[in-house]
Each structure stands twice: as structure tokens, then as C-alpha cells.
């Protein structure tokens, strides 16, 4: 999730497909090695941002 925090261009309106394409060359993304896990973490991160915006 730190990878998403480090990218200032990320916002909650971006889809997983767009985000995945932007991150695919980052070593941290490649180190996960599991697309399903990467997507799960993306969704958790995005949900946390939504929760913060609502609060």
C-alpha cells in the first residue's frame, strides 16, 4: 500500500486496470507477484481513502 501512497497521481476514482498499468514497472509492484493480491490491496487502500473522505 505504500506504493500507492508514494504516487501523488493516485486518486480513488482510478480503476484497478488504470492503476495496474501505471505501476507495472515499479519493482515493488512486481515483487508482490500475485495479481489477485495486488488488486485486493488496491481495493483495501481505496476503501480506506473513501472512509477518510466521508469522516
PDB file of N, CA and C in Angstrom:
ATOM      1  N   UNK A   1       0.812  -1.186   0.000  1.00  0.00           N
ATOM      2  CA  UNK A   1       0.000   0.000   0.000  1.00  0.00           C
ATOM      3  C   UNK A   1       0.860   1.255   0.000  1.00  0.00           C
ATOM      4  N   UNK A   2       2.082   1.111   0.487  1.00  0.00           N
ATOM      5  CA  UNK A   2       2.994   2.254   0.464  1.00  0.00           C
ATOM      6  C   UNK A   2       3.237   2.709  -0.967  1.00  0.00           C
ATOM      7  N   UNK A   3       3.260   1.791  -1.881  1.00  0.00           N
ATOM      8  CA  UNK A   3       3.447   2.131  -3.293  1.00  0.00           C
ATOM      9  C   UNK A   3       2.365   3.102  -3.752  1.00  0.00           C
ATOM     10  N   UNK A   4       1.130   2.856  -3.378  1.00  0.00           N
ATOM     11  CA  UNK A   4       0.045   3.768  -3.760  1.00  0.00           C
ATOM     12  C   UNK A   4       0.171   5.105  -3.037  1.00  0.00           C
ATOM     13  N   UNK A   5       0.577   5.070  -1.778  1.00  0.00           N
ATOM     14  CA  UNK A   5       0.767   6.328  -1.030  1.00  0.00           C
ATOM     15  C   UNK A   5       1.861   7.183  -1.665  1.00  0.00           C
ATOM     16  N   UNK A   6       2.885   6.542  -2.197  1.00  0.00           N
ATOM     17  CA  UNK A   6       4.022   7.260  -2.776  1.00  0.00           C
ATOM     18  C   UNK A   6       3.703   7.909  -4.111  1.00  0.00           C
ATOM     19  N   UNK A   7       2.622   7.504  -4.759  1.00  0.00           N
ATOM     20  CA  UNK A   7       2.268   8.050  -6.067  1.00  0.00           C
ATOM     21  C   UNK A   7       1.217   9.124  -5.918  1.00  0.00           C
ATOM     22  N   UNK A   8       1.625  10.360  -6.097  1.00  0.00           N
ATOM     23  CA  UNK A   8       0.740  11.511  -5.890  1.00  0.00           C
ATOM     24  C   UNK A   8      -0.367  11.589  -6.929  1.00  0.00           C
ATOM     25  N   UNK A   9      -0.216  10.917  -8.043  1.00  0.00           N
ATOM     26  CA  UNK A   9      -1.231  10.947  -9.092  1.00  0.00           C
ATOM     27  C   UNK A   9      -2.419  10.060  -8.784  1.00  0.00           C
ATOM     28  N   UNK A  10      -2.261   9.149  -7.807  1.00  0.00           N
ATOM     29  CA  UNK A  10      -3.333   8.216  -7.498  1.00  0.00           C
ATOM     30  C   UNK A  10      -4.519   8.941  -6.881  1.00  0.00           C
ATOM     31  N   UNK A  11      -5.731   8.557  -7.311  1.00  0.00           N
ATOM     32  CA  UNK A  11      -6.937   9.036  -6.645  1.00  0.00           C
ATOM     33  C   UNK A  11      -7.979   7.920  -6.641  1.00  0.00           C
ATOM     34  N   UNK A  12      -8.983   8.051  -5.816  1.00  0.00           N
ATOM     35  CA  UNK A  12      -9.943   6.970  -5.610  1.00  0.00           C
ATOM     36  C   UNK A  12     -10.827   6.707  -6.820  1.00  0.00           C
ATOM     37  N   UNK A  13     -10.821   7.591  -7.789  1.00  0.00           N
ATOM     38  CA  UNK A  13     -11.654   7.396  -8.977  1.00  0.00           C
ATOM     39  C   UNK A  13     -10.979   6.523 -10.037  1.00  0.00           C
ATOM     40  N   UNK A  14      -9.703   6.257  -9.872  1.00  0.00           N
ATOM     41  CA  UNK A  14      -8.996   5.434 -10.844  1.00  0.00           C
ATOM     42  C   UNK A  14      -9.373   3.965 -10.686  1.00  0.00           C
ATOM     43  N   UNK A  15      -9.520   3.293 -11.790  1.00  0.00           N
ATOM     44  CA  UNK A  15      -9.823   1.864 -11.757  1.00  0.00           C
ATOM     45  C   UNK A  15      -8.547   1.074 -11.482  1.00  0.00           C
ATOM     46  N   UNK A  16      -8.739  -0.178 -11.117  1.00  0.00           N
ATOM     47  CA  UNK A  16      -7.605  -1.057 -10.905  1.00  0.00           C
ATOM     48  C   UNK A  16      -6.804  -1.219 -12.190  1.00  0.00           C
ATOM     49  N   UNK A  17      -7.480  -1.350 -13.323  1.00  0.00           N
ATOM     50  CA  UNK A  17      -6.798  -1.555 -14.596  1.00  0.00           C
ATOM     51  C   UNK A  17      -5.861  -0.392 -14.917  1.00  0.00           C
ATOM     52  N   UNK A  18      -6.333   0.825 -14.731  1.00  0.00           N
ATOM     53  CA  UNK A  18      -5.509   2.015 -15.000  1.00  0.00           C
ATOM     54  C   UNK A  18      -4.332   2.063 -14.025  1.00  0.00           C
ATOM     55  N   UNK A  19      -4.609   1.826 -12.778  1.00  0.00           N
ATOM     56  CA  UNK A  19      -3.560   1.870 -11.758  1.00  0.00           C
ATOM     57  C   UNK A  19      -2.523   0.777 -11.989  1.00  0.00           C
ATOM     58  N   UNK A  20      -2.993  -0.423 -12.289  1.00  0.00           N
ATOM     59  CA  UNK A  20      -2.095  -1.549 -12.541  1.00  0.00           C
ATOM     60  C   UNK A  20      -1.161  -1.246 -13.706  1.00  0.00           C
ATOM     61  N   UNK A  21      -1.703  -0.675 -14.759  1.00  0.00           N
ATOM     62  CA  UNK A  21      -0.885  -0.344 -15.919  1.00  0.00           C
ATOM     63  C   UNK A  21       0.185   0.686 -15.568  1.00  0.00           C
ATOM     64  N   UNK A  22      -0.157   1.638 -14.721  1.00  0.00           N
ATOM     65  CA  UNK A  22       0.795   2.678 -14.326  1.00  0.00           C
ATOM     66  C   UNK A  22       1.897   2.140 -13.405  1.00  0.00           C
ATOM     67  N   UNK A  23       1.572   1.105 -12.646  1.00  0.00           N
ATOM     68  CA  UNK A  23       2.526   0.588 -11.654  1.00  0.00           C
ATOM     69  C   UNK A  23       3.332  -0.614 -12.125  1.00  0.00           C
ATOM     70  N   UNK A  24       2.996  -1.165 -13.260  1.00  0.00           N
ATOM     71  CA  UNK A  24       3.565  -2.455 -13.652  1.00  0.00           C
ATOM     72  C   UNK A  24       5.083  -2.482 -13.765  1.00  0.00           C
ATOM     73  N   UNK A  25       5.718  -1.335 -13.866  1.00  0.00           N
ATOM     74  CA  UNK A  25       7.178  -1.304 -13.972  1.00  0.00           C
ATOM     75  C   UNK A  25       7.862  -1.008 -12.650  1.00  0.00           C
ATOM     76  N   UNK A  26       7.072  -0.747 -11.625  1.00  0.00           N
ATOM     77  CA  UNK A  26       7.643  -0.477 -10.304  1.00  0.00           C
ATOM     78  C   UNK A  26       8.050  -1.810  -9.659  1.00  0.00           C
ATOM     79  N   UNK A  27       9.251  -1.866  -9.159  1.00  0.00           N
ATOM     80  CA  UNK A  27       9.765  -3.116  -8.580  1.00  0.00           C
ATOM     81  C   UNK A  27       8.893  -3.603  -7.435  1.00  0.00           C
ATOM     82  N   UNK A  28       8.359  -2.688  -6.640  1.00  0.00           N
ATOM     83  CA  UNK A  28       7.520  -3.100  -5.507  1.00  0.00           C
ATOM     84  C   UNK A  28       6.260  -3.801  -5.998  1.00  0.00           C
ATOM     85  N   UNK A  29       5.707  -3.327  -7.098  1.00  0.00           N
ATOM     86  CA  UNK A  29       4.538  -3.990  -7.680  1.00  0.00           C
ATOM     87  C   UNK A  29       4.925  -5.382  -8.181  1.00  0.00           C
ATOM     88  N   UNK A  30       6.030  -5.466  -8.859  1.00  0.00           N
ATOM     89  CA  UNK A  30       6.480  -6.757  -9.385  1.00  0.00           C
ATOM     90  C   UNK A  30       6.813  -7.745  -8.266  1.00  0.00           C
ATOM     91  N   UNK A  31       7.299  -7.240  -7.145  1.00  0.00           N
ATOM     92  CA  UNK A  31       7.667  -8.104  -6.025  1.00  0.00           C
ATOM     93  C   UNK A  31       6.467  -8.826  -5.410  1.00  0.00           C
ATOM     94  N   UNK A  32       5.279  -8.264  -5.527  1.00  0.00           N
ATOM     95  CA  UNK A  32       4.089  -8.932  -4.991  1.00  0.00           C
ATOM     96  C   UNK A  32       3.889 -10.253  -5.715  1.00  0.00           C
ATOM     97  N   UNK A  33       3.976 -10.222  -7.035  1.00  0.00           N
ATOM     98  CA  UNK A  33       3.925 -11.456  -7.814  1.00  0.00           C
ATOM     99  C   UNK A  33       2.574 -12.132  -7.908  1.00  0.00           C
ATOM    100  N   UNK A  34       1.537 -11.516  -7.389  1.00  0.00           N
ATOM    101  CA  UNK A  34       0.198 -12.113  -7.404  1.00  0.00           C
ATOM    102  C   UNK A  34      -0.808 -11.017  -7.745  1.00  0.00           C
ATOM    103  N   UNK A  35      -1.362 -11.082  -8.960  1.00  0.00           N
ATOM    104  CA  UNK A  35      -2.283 -10.039  -9.405  1.00  0.00           C
ATOM    105  C   UNK A  35      -3.515  -9.935  -8.518  1.00  0.00           C
ATOM    106  N   UNK A  36      -4.024 -11.058  -8.061  1.00  0.00           N
ATOM    107  CA  UNK A  36      -5.221 -11.036  -7.208  1.00  0.00           C
ATOM    108  C   UNK A  36      -4.925 -10.340  -5.876  1.00  0.00           C
ATOM    109  N   UNK A  37      -3.762 -10.605  -5.310  1.00  0.00           N
ATOM    110  CA  UNK A  37      -3.380  -9.960  -4.054  1.00  0.00           C
ATOM    111  C   UNK A  37      -3.153  -8.465  -4.269  1.00  0.00           C
ATOM    112  N   UNK A  38      -2.509  -8.101  -5.360  1.00  0.00           N
ATOM    113  CA  UNK A  38      -2.303  -6.686  -5.670  1.00  0.00           C
ATOM    114  C   UNK A  38      -3.638  -5.959  -5.791  1.00  0.00           C
ATOM    115  N   UNK A  39      -4.586  -6.581  -6.468  1.00  0.00           N
ATOM    116  CA  UNK A  39      -5.905  -5.955  -6.632  1.00  0.00           C
ATOM    117  C   UNK A  39      -6.630  -5.859  -5.283  1.00  0.00           C
ATOM    118  N   UNK A  40      -6.505  -6.876  -4.460  1.00  0.00           N
ATOM    119  CA  UNK A  40      -7.123  -6.852  -3.130  1.00  0.00           C
ATOM    120  C   UNK A  40      -6.572  -5.685  -2.315  1.00  0.00           C
ATOM    121  N   UNK A  41      -5.261  -5.528  -2.307  1.00  0.00           N
ATOM    122  CA  UNK A  41      -4.653  -4.429  -1.563  1.00  0.00           C
ATOM    123  C   UNK A  41      -5.052  -3.075  -2.139  1.00  0.00           C
ATOM    124  N   UNK A  42      -5.151  -2.985  -3.459  1.00  0.00           N
ATOM    125  CA  UNK A  42      -5.604  -1.757  -4.107  1.00  0.00           C
ATOM    126  C   UNK A  42      -7.010  -1.404  -3.611  1.00  0.00           C
ATOM    127  N   UNK A  43      -7.901  -2.371  -3.613  1.00  0.00           N
ATOM    128  CA  UNK A  43      -9.276  -2.120  -3.179  1.00  0.00           C
ATOM    129  C   UNK A  43      -9.351  -1.733  -1.708  1.00  0.00           C
ATOM    130  N   UNK A  44      -8.538  -2.361  -0.880  1.00  0.00           N
ATOM    131  CA  UNK A  44      -8.492  -2.003   0.540  1.00  0.00           C
ATOM    132  C   UNK A  44      -7.985  -0.576   0.714  1.00  0.00           C
ATOM    133  N   UNK A  45      -6.934  -0.221  -0.001  1.00  0.00           N
ATOM    134  CA  UNK A  45      -6.373   1.120   0.085  1.00  0.00           C
ATOM    135  C   UNK A  45      -7.399   2.157  -0.355  1.00  0.00           C
ATOM    136  N   UNK A  46      -8.056   1.899  -1.467  1.00  0.00           N
ATOM    137  CA  UNK A  46      -9.058   2.828  -1.991  1.00  0.00           C
ATOM    138  C   UNK A  46     -10.227   2.946  -1.013  1.00  0.00           C
ATOM    139  N   UNK A  47     -10.658   1.843  -0.428  1.00  0.00           N
ATOM    140  CA  UNK A  47     -11.755   1.890   0.538  1.00  0.00           C
ATOM    141  C   UNK A  47     -11.365   2.706   1.767  1.00  0.00           C
ATOM    142  N   UNK A  48     -10.128   2.570   2.210  1.00  0.00           N
ATOM    143  CA  UNK A  48      -9.655   3.371   3.344  1.00  0.00           C
ATOM    144  C   UNK A  48      -9.679   4.853   3.014  1.00  0.00           C
ATOM    145  N   UNK A  49      -9.332   5.215   1.793  1.00  0.00           N
ATOM    146  CA  UNK A  49      -9.386   6.626   1.392  1.00  0.00           C
ATOM    147  C   UNK A  49     -10.824   7.130   1.368  1.00  0.00           C
ATOM    148  N   UNK A  50     -11.731   6.308   0.891  1.00  0.00           N
ATOM    149  CA  UNK A  50     -13.145   6.686   0.864  1.00  0.00           C
ATOM    150  C   UNK A  50     -13.632   6.896   2.291  1.00  0.00           C
ATOM    151  N   UNK A  51     -13.260   6.005   3.199  1.00  0.00           N
ATOM    152  CA  UNK A  51     -13.676   6.118   4.597  1.00  0.00           C
ATOM    153  C   UNK A  51     -13.151   7.406   5.230  1.00  0.00           C
ATOM    154  N   UNK A  52     -11.941   7.785   4.888  1.00  0.00           N
ATOM    155  CA  UNK A  52     -11.360   9.018   5.420  1.00  0.00           C
ATOM    156  C   UNK A  52     -12.087  10.237   4.869  1.00  0.00           C
ATOM    157  N   UNK A  53     -12.419  10.208   3.565  1.00  0.00           N
ATOM    158  CA  UNK A  53     -13.120  11.332   2.949  1.00  0.00           C
ATOM    159  C   UNK A  53     -14.506  11.523   3.534  1.00  0.00           C
ATOM    160  N   UNK A  54     -15.163  10.437   3.925  1.00  0.00           N
ATOM    161  CA  UNK A  54     -16.524  10.505   4.460  1.00  0.00           C
ATOM    162  C   UNK A  54     -16.508  11.003   5.901  1.00  0.00           C
ATOM    163  N   UNK A  55     -15.466  10.661   6.635  1.00  0.00           N
ATOM    164  CA  UNK A  55     -15.384  11.018   8.059  1.00  0.00           C
ATOM    165  C   UNK A  55     -15.189  12.492   8.295  1.00  0.00           C
TER     166      UNK A  55
END
